[in-house]
N, C-alpha and C. Protein backbone atom coordinates (compact mmCIF):
# COMPACT_ATOMS: atom_id res chain seq x y z
N MET A 1 23.72 12.81 -12.73
CA MET A 1 23.63 11.92 -13.86
C MET A 1 22.20 12.00 -14.40
N GLU A 2 22.04 12.80 -15.39
CA GLU A 2 20.71 13.13 -15.93
C GLU A 2 20.01 11.94 -16.54
N ILE A 3 20.72 11.08 -17.22
CA ILE A 3 20.08 9.94 -17.89
C ILE A 3 19.43 9.00 -16.86
N ILE A 4 20.09 8.82 -15.72
CA ILE A 4 19.53 7.95 -14.67
C ILE A 4 18.30 8.61 -14.06
N ARG A 5 18.33 9.92 -13.88
CA ARG A 5 17.15 10.64 -13.36
C ARG A 5 15.96 10.49 -14.32
N GLN A 6 16.23 10.59 -15.61
CA GLN A 6 15.16 10.43 -16.60
C GLN A 6 14.63 9.00 -16.60
N LEU A 7 15.52 8.04 -16.47
CA LEU A 7 15.09 6.65 -16.37
C LEU A 7 14.23 6.43 -15.13
N THR A 8 14.64 7.05 -14.03
CA THR A 8 13.87 6.94 -12.79
C THR A 8 12.48 7.53 -12.96
N GLU A 9 12.41 8.70 -13.58
CA GLU A 9 11.11 9.35 -13.80
C GLU A 9 10.21 8.49 -14.68
N ALA A 10 10.77 7.91 -15.71
CA ALA A 10 9.98 7.05 -16.60
C ALA A 10 9.49 5.81 -15.86
N HIS A 11 10.36 5.22 -15.03
CA HIS A 11 9.95 4.06 -14.25
C HIS A 11 8.90 4.44 -13.20
N GLU A 12 9.02 5.61 -12.62
CA GLU A 12 8.01 6.07 -11.65
C GLU A 12 6.66 6.27 -12.34
N ALA A 13 6.68 6.78 -13.55
CA ALA A 13 5.42 6.94 -14.31
C ALA A 13 4.81 5.58 -14.62
N LEU A 14 5.65 4.62 -14.97
CA LEU A 14 5.17 3.27 -15.23
C LEU A 14 4.64 2.63 -13.95
N LEU A 15 5.29 2.91 -12.83
CA LEU A 15 4.82 2.42 -11.53
C LEU A 15 3.44 3.00 -11.20
N ALA A 16 3.26 4.29 -11.47
CA ALA A 16 1.96 4.92 -11.24
C ALA A 16 0.87 4.25 -12.08
N LEU A 17 1.20 3.92 -13.32
CA LEU A 17 0.25 3.20 -14.17
C LEU A 17 -0.05 1.81 -13.61
N ALA A 18 0.98 1.14 -13.12
CA ALA A 18 0.78 -0.20 -12.55
C ALA A 18 -0.14 -0.14 -11.33
N LEU A 19 0.03 0.89 -10.51
CA LEU A 19 -0.84 1.04 -9.34
C LEU A 19 -2.27 1.38 -9.76
N SER A 20 -2.41 2.19 -10.80
CA SER A 20 -3.74 2.50 -11.34
C SER A 20 -4.37 1.25 -11.93
N LYS A 21 -3.55 0.43 -12.56
CA LYS A 21 -4.05 -0.81 -13.14
C LYS A 21 -4.57 -1.73 -12.03
N LYS A 22 -3.85 -1.77 -10.93
CA LYS A 22 -4.29 -2.60 -9.80
C LYS A 22 -5.67 -2.17 -9.33
N GLU A 23 -5.87 -0.87 -9.17
CA GLU A 23 -7.17 -0.35 -8.74
C GLU A 23 -8.25 -0.66 -9.76
N ALA A 24 -7.93 -0.52 -11.03
CA ALA A 24 -8.91 -0.82 -12.09
C ALA A 24 -9.29 -2.30 -12.08
N LEU A 25 -8.31 -3.16 -11.83
CA LEU A 25 -8.59 -4.59 -11.75
C LEU A 25 -9.47 -4.92 -10.55
N ILE A 26 -9.17 -4.32 -9.43
CA ILE A 26 -9.95 -4.57 -8.22
C ILE A 26 -11.38 -4.08 -8.39
N GLN A 27 -11.55 -2.92 -9.03
CA GLN A 27 -12.87 -2.33 -9.21
C GLN A 27 -13.57 -2.87 -10.46
N ASN A 28 -12.89 -3.73 -11.20
CA ASN A 28 -13.44 -4.29 -12.44
C ASN A 28 -13.82 -3.20 -13.43
N ASP A 29 -13.00 -2.16 -13.52
CA ASP A 29 -13.24 -1.02 -14.41
C ASP A 29 -12.47 -1.27 -15.71
N MET A 30 -13.12 -1.95 -16.64
CA MET A 30 -12.45 -2.37 -17.87
C MET A 30 -12.12 -1.20 -18.80
N SER A 31 -12.93 -0.16 -18.83
CA SER A 31 -12.60 0.98 -19.69
C SER A 31 -11.35 1.69 -19.19
N ARG A 32 -11.23 1.83 -17.89
CA ARG A 32 -10.02 2.45 -17.31
C ARG A 32 -8.80 1.55 -17.54
N LEU A 33 -8.99 0.25 -17.38
CA LEU A 33 -7.90 -0.69 -17.60
C LEU A 33 -7.43 -0.63 -19.05
N SER A 34 -8.36 -0.52 -19.97
CA SER A 34 -8.02 -0.42 -21.39
C SER A 34 -7.20 0.83 -21.67
N LYS A 35 -7.55 1.95 -21.07
CA LYS A 35 -6.79 3.19 -21.26
C LYS A 35 -5.37 3.04 -20.72
N ILE A 36 -5.25 2.41 -19.57
CA ILE A 36 -3.94 2.22 -18.96
C ILE A 36 -3.06 1.34 -19.84
N VAL A 37 -3.64 0.27 -20.36
CA VAL A 37 -2.89 -0.65 -21.21
C VAL A 37 -2.41 0.05 -22.48
N LYS A 38 -3.17 1.01 -22.96
CA LYS A 38 -2.76 1.77 -24.15
C LYS A 38 -1.65 2.77 -23.85
N GLU A 39 -1.56 3.22 -22.60
CA GLU A 39 -0.52 4.18 -22.22
C GLU A 39 0.83 3.51 -21.97
N GLU A 40 0.81 2.27 -21.55
CA GLU A 40 2.05 1.57 -21.19
C GLU A 40 3.08 1.48 -22.31
N PRO A 41 2.70 1.13 -23.54
CA PRO A 41 3.73 1.03 -24.59
C PRO A 41 4.50 2.32 -24.84
N VAL A 42 3.85 3.47 -24.64
CA VAL A 42 4.54 4.75 -24.82
C VAL A 42 5.67 4.86 -23.81
N LEU A 43 5.37 4.55 -22.56
CA LEU A 43 6.40 4.62 -21.51
C LEU A 43 7.48 3.56 -21.72
N LEU A 44 7.08 2.37 -22.14
CA LEU A 44 8.07 1.32 -22.36
C LEU A 44 9.03 1.69 -23.49
N LYS A 45 8.51 2.33 -24.52
CA LYS A 45 9.37 2.78 -25.62
C LYS A 45 10.33 3.86 -25.12
N ARG A 46 9.82 4.76 -24.29
CA ARG A 46 10.66 5.82 -23.71
C ARG A 46 11.77 5.21 -22.85
N ILE A 47 11.43 4.22 -22.06
CA ILE A 47 12.43 3.56 -21.20
C ILE A 47 13.48 2.86 -22.06
N ALA A 48 13.06 2.19 -23.13
CA ALA A 48 14.01 1.51 -24.02
C ALA A 48 14.97 2.51 -24.65
N THR A 49 14.45 3.65 -25.05
CA THR A 49 15.29 4.70 -25.65
C THR A 49 16.29 5.22 -24.63
N LEU A 50 15.80 5.50 -23.41
CA LEU A 50 16.69 6.00 -22.36
C LEU A 50 17.73 4.96 -21.97
N GLU A 51 17.35 3.70 -21.95
CA GLU A 51 18.30 2.64 -21.61
C GLU A 51 19.39 2.55 -22.67
N GLN A 52 19.02 2.74 -23.92
CA GLN A 52 20.02 2.74 -24.99
C GLN A 52 20.98 3.92 -24.82
N GLU A 53 20.43 5.07 -24.46
CA GLU A 53 21.28 6.24 -24.21
C GLU A 53 22.20 5.99 -23.02
N ARG A 54 21.68 5.32 -21.98
CA ARG A 54 22.50 5.01 -20.80
C ARG A 54 23.66 4.11 -21.19
N ILE A 55 23.38 3.13 -22.02
CA ILE A 55 24.44 2.20 -22.46
C ILE A 55 25.49 2.96 -23.27
N GLU A 56 25.05 3.87 -24.13
CA GLU A 56 26.00 4.67 -24.91
C GLU A 56 26.84 5.55 -24.00
N TYR A 57 26.23 6.09 -22.95
CA TYR A 57 26.93 6.99 -22.03
C TYR A 57 27.88 6.23 -21.11
N MET A 58 27.40 5.12 -20.55
CA MET A 58 28.18 4.38 -19.57
C MET A 58 29.07 3.31 -20.20
N GLY A 59 28.77 2.93 -21.40
CA GLY A 59 29.53 1.86 -22.03
C GLY A 59 29.14 0.51 -21.47
N THR A 60 30.07 -0.42 -21.50
CA THR A 60 29.80 -1.78 -21.02
C THR A 60 30.10 -1.96 -19.54
N VAL A 61 30.31 -0.86 -18.86
CA VAL A 61 30.63 -0.89 -17.43
C VAL A 61 29.38 -1.30 -16.65
N THR A 62 29.56 -2.19 -15.67
CA THR A 62 28.43 -2.57 -14.83
C THR A 62 28.13 -1.44 -13.85
N MET A 63 26.97 -1.50 -13.23
CA MET A 63 26.58 -0.47 -12.25
C MET A 63 27.57 -0.45 -11.08
N THR A 64 28.01 -1.62 -10.64
CA THR A 64 28.96 -1.71 -9.53
C THR A 64 30.27 -1.03 -9.90
N GLU A 65 30.75 -1.28 -11.11
CA GLU A 65 31.99 -0.65 -11.56
C GLU A 65 31.80 0.86 -11.70
N TRP A 66 30.62 1.28 -12.18
CA TRP A 66 30.35 2.70 -12.34
C TRP A 66 30.37 3.40 -10.98
N ILE A 67 29.73 2.79 -10.00
CA ILE A 67 29.67 3.38 -8.66
C ILE A 67 31.07 3.48 -8.05
N ALA A 68 31.91 2.49 -8.30
CA ALA A 68 33.28 2.52 -7.77
C ALA A 68 34.04 3.74 -8.28
N SER A 69 33.79 4.12 -9.53
CA SER A 69 34.51 5.26 -10.08
C SER A 69 33.72 6.57 -10.00
N HIS A 70 32.41 6.49 -9.68
CA HIS A 70 31.55 7.67 -9.57
C HIS A 70 30.67 7.57 -8.31
N PRO A 71 31.26 7.68 -7.13
CA PRO A 71 30.50 7.51 -5.89
C PRO A 71 29.37 8.54 -5.72
N GLU A 72 29.44 9.65 -6.43
CA GLU A 72 28.39 10.67 -6.32
C GLU A 72 27.07 10.20 -6.94
N ASP A 73 27.11 9.15 -7.74
CA ASP A 73 25.90 8.64 -8.41
C ASP A 73 25.20 7.53 -7.63
N VAL A 74 25.72 7.18 -6.46
CA VAL A 74 25.16 6.06 -5.69
C VAL A 74 23.68 6.28 -5.38
N GLU A 75 23.33 7.43 -4.85
CA GLU A 75 21.95 7.69 -4.46
C GLU A 75 21.01 7.69 -5.66
N THR A 76 21.45 8.27 -6.76
CA THR A 76 20.63 8.31 -7.97
C THR A 76 20.32 6.90 -8.46
N LEU A 77 21.34 6.05 -8.47
CA LEU A 77 21.15 4.67 -8.90
C LEU A 77 20.31 3.89 -7.90
N ARG A 78 20.47 4.18 -6.62
CA ARG A 78 19.68 3.51 -5.59
C ARG A 78 18.19 3.81 -5.75
N VAL A 79 17.87 5.06 -6.06
CA VAL A 79 16.47 5.45 -6.27
C VAL A 79 15.90 4.71 -7.49
N LEU A 80 16.69 4.63 -8.57
CA LEU A 80 16.25 3.91 -9.76
C LEU A 80 15.98 2.44 -9.43
N LEU A 81 16.91 1.80 -8.76
CA LEU A 81 16.76 0.38 -8.43
C LEU A 81 15.57 0.16 -7.49
N SER A 82 15.35 1.07 -6.57
CA SER A 82 14.20 0.97 -5.67
C SER A 82 12.89 1.08 -6.44
N THR A 83 12.83 2.02 -7.35
CA THR A 83 11.63 2.20 -8.17
C THR A 83 11.38 0.96 -9.03
N MET A 84 12.45 0.41 -9.59
CA MET A 84 12.31 -0.79 -10.40
C MET A 84 11.82 -1.97 -9.56
N GLY A 85 12.28 -2.06 -8.33
CA GLY A 85 11.83 -3.13 -7.43
C GLY A 85 10.34 -2.99 -7.11
N LYS A 86 9.90 -1.76 -6.85
CA LYS A 86 8.48 -1.52 -6.58
C LYS A 86 7.64 -1.86 -7.81
N LEU A 87 8.15 -1.51 -8.98
CA LEU A 87 7.44 -1.80 -10.22
C LEU A 87 7.32 -3.31 -10.44
N ARG A 88 8.38 -4.03 -10.15
CA ARG A 88 8.38 -5.49 -10.28
C ARG A 88 7.30 -6.11 -9.38
N LYS A 89 7.22 -5.62 -8.14
CA LYS A 89 6.22 -6.13 -7.18
C LYS A 89 4.81 -5.79 -7.64
N ALA A 90 4.60 -4.57 -8.12
CA ALA A 90 3.28 -4.16 -8.59
C ALA A 90 2.85 -4.99 -9.79
N ASN A 91 3.77 -5.25 -10.70
CA ASN A 91 3.45 -6.07 -11.87
C ASN A 91 3.13 -7.51 -11.48
N ALA A 92 3.84 -8.03 -10.49
CA ALA A 92 3.57 -9.39 -10.02
C ALA A 92 2.17 -9.46 -9.40
N LEU A 93 1.81 -8.45 -8.61
CA LEU A 93 0.48 -8.41 -8.01
C LEU A 93 -0.60 -8.29 -9.08
N ASN A 94 -0.37 -7.45 -10.07
CA ASN A 94 -1.34 -7.30 -11.16
C ASN A 94 -1.50 -8.60 -11.94
N ALA A 95 -0.42 -9.30 -12.15
CA ALA A 95 -0.49 -10.59 -12.85
C ALA A 95 -1.33 -11.58 -12.04
N GLU A 96 -1.15 -11.55 -10.72
CA GLU A 96 -1.93 -12.43 -9.85
C GLU A 96 -3.42 -12.04 -9.87
N LEU A 97 -3.70 -10.75 -9.85
CA LEU A 97 -5.09 -10.30 -9.92
C LEU A 97 -5.74 -10.69 -11.24
N LEU A 98 -5.01 -10.57 -12.33
CA LEU A 98 -5.52 -10.99 -13.63
C LEU A 98 -5.79 -12.49 -13.66
N GLU A 99 -4.89 -13.26 -13.09
CA GLU A 99 -5.05 -14.71 -13.04
C GLU A 99 -6.30 -15.07 -12.23
N GLN A 100 -6.51 -14.41 -11.11
CA GLN A 100 -7.70 -14.66 -10.30
C GLN A 100 -8.97 -14.29 -11.06
N SER A 101 -8.91 -13.18 -11.78
CA SER A 101 -10.07 -12.75 -12.57
C SER A 101 -10.40 -13.78 -13.64
N LEU A 102 -9.38 -14.30 -14.30
CA LEU A 102 -9.60 -15.31 -15.33
C LEU A 102 -10.20 -16.58 -14.75
N HIS A 103 -9.72 -16.99 -13.58
CA HIS A 103 -10.28 -18.18 -12.93
C HIS A 103 -11.74 -17.94 -12.55
N TYR A 104 -12.04 -16.76 -12.08
CA TYR A 104 -13.41 -16.40 -11.70
C TYR A 104 -14.33 -16.43 -12.92
N ILE A 105 -13.87 -15.86 -14.03
CA ILE A 105 -14.66 -15.87 -15.27
C ILE A 105 -14.85 -17.30 -15.76
N GLU A 106 -13.80 -18.10 -15.72
CA GLU A 106 -13.88 -19.49 -16.16
C GLU A 106 -14.88 -20.25 -15.30
N TRP A 107 -14.86 -20.03 -14.01
CA TRP A 107 -15.78 -20.68 -13.09
C TRP A 107 -17.23 -20.32 -13.44
N HIS A 108 -17.47 -19.03 -13.69
CA HIS A 108 -18.82 -18.58 -14.05
C HIS A 108 -19.27 -19.18 -15.39
N LEU A 109 -18.37 -19.25 -16.33
CA LEU A 109 -18.71 -19.84 -17.62
C LEU A 109 -19.09 -21.32 -17.46
N GLN A 110 -18.38 -22.01 -16.61
CA GLN A 110 -18.69 -23.42 -16.37
C GLN A 110 -20.07 -23.57 -15.74
N LEU A 111 -20.45 -22.61 -14.92
CA LEU A 111 -21.79 -22.66 -14.32
C LEU A 111 -22.87 -22.38 -15.36
N LEU A 112 -22.59 -21.49 -16.28
CA LEU A 112 -23.58 -21.08 -17.26
C LEU A 112 -23.71 -22.01 -18.45
N VAL A 113 -22.62 -22.62 -18.85
CA VAL A 113 -22.62 -23.48 -20.02
C VAL A 113 -22.64 -24.92 -19.54
N PRO A 114 -23.65 -25.68 -19.94
CA PRO A 114 -23.72 -27.08 -19.50
C PRO A 114 -22.56 -27.89 -20.04
N GLU A 115 -22.33 -28.99 -19.39
CA GLU A 115 -21.28 -29.91 -19.84
C GLU A 115 -21.61 -30.42 -21.24
N ALA A 116 -20.64 -30.86 -21.97
CA ALA A 116 -20.84 -31.37 -23.32
C ALA A 116 -21.76 -32.60 -23.33
N ASP A 117 -21.73 -33.39 -22.25
CA ASP A 117 -22.57 -34.57 -22.17
C ASP A 117 -24.05 -34.22 -22.18
N ASP A 118 -24.41 -33.04 -21.72
CA ASP A 118 -25.81 -32.63 -21.68
C ASP A 118 -26.38 -32.42 -23.07
N PHE A 119 -25.53 -32.27 -24.06
CA PHE A 119 -25.99 -32.02 -25.42
C PHE A 119 -26.11 -33.30 -26.25
N THR A 120 -25.64 -34.41 -25.73
CA THR A 120 -25.68 -35.66 -26.49
C THR A 120 -26.88 -36.48 -26.05
N TYR A 121 -27.29 -37.34 -26.92
CA TYR A 121 -28.41 -38.23 -26.62
C TYR A 121 -27.85 -39.58 -26.24
N GLY A 122 -28.26 -40.04 -25.10
CA GLY A 122 -27.82 -41.34 -24.64
C GLY A 122 -28.83 -42.41 -25.00
N GLN A 123 -28.54 -43.63 -24.64
CA GLN A 123 -29.43 -44.75 -24.93
C GLN A 123 -30.77 -44.58 -24.25
N SER A 124 -30.78 -43.94 -23.08
CA SER A 124 -32.04 -43.78 -22.35
C SER A 124 -33.06 -43.00 -23.16
N THR A 125 -32.63 -42.12 -24.02
CA THR A 125 -33.55 -41.36 -24.85
C THR A 125 -34.25 -42.28 -25.85
N PHE A 126 -33.54 -43.26 -26.37
CA PHE A 126 -34.13 -44.18 -27.33
C PHE A 126 -35.02 -45.22 -26.66
N ASP A 127 -34.78 -45.47 -25.38
CA ASP A 127 -35.61 -46.43 -24.66
C ASP A 127 -37.00 -45.88 -24.40
N ARG A 128 -37.12 -44.58 -24.27
CA ARG A 128 -38.42 -43.96 -24.04
C ARG A 128 -39.13 -43.80 -25.37
N THR A 129 -40.38 -44.13 -25.41
CA THR A 129 -41.14 -43.89 -26.63
C THR A 129 -42.00 -42.68 -26.43
N HIS A 130 -41.99 -41.82 -27.42
CA HIS A 130 -42.73 -40.59 -27.34
C HIS A 130 -44.02 -40.66 -28.17
N PHE A 131 -44.29 -41.79 -28.71
CA PHE A 131 -45.53 -41.94 -29.48
C PHE A 131 -46.10 -43.33 -29.23
N ASN A 132 -47.31 -43.49 -29.53
CA ASN A 132 -47.98 -44.76 -29.34
C ASN A 132 -47.75 -45.60 -30.58
N ARG A 133 -47.09 -46.73 -30.44
CA ARG A 133 -46.80 -47.59 -31.58
C ARG A 133 -48.08 -48.29 -32.09
N ASN A 134 -49.06 -48.34 -31.26
CA ASN A 134 -50.30 -49.03 -31.65
C ASN A 134 -51.21 -48.16 -32.51
N ALA A 135 -50.90 -46.92 -32.64
CA ALA A 135 -51.78 -46.03 -33.36
C ALA A 135 -51.82 -46.27 -34.82
């Protein structure tokens, strides 16, 4: 079943990008991360096209129904589902790494930027005189 093999290859390529993205996030390599993010839409478009072809080829039959009538395709579908599962896990990890990075950046910004109260003048400022009234 050629369409499933092509879908598997496309998902494996996307998985490779997800693993590269993980490394780029860990190493804080933003230029590499930017390149990876630009490559992803190409693969996603390819997967959408292949999925449309799969639907046209298989019709509205579910994978379980397809396997019942085409037992020779079990392994091919199993590899696809396994790759998709690995991709799901890699994407979840990358989302967690991004979330941690954002929290880290937010924490640093809070350290660098004073609270809003530091910019306002309180009553204590008016209580102090900075000039001699007797002059």
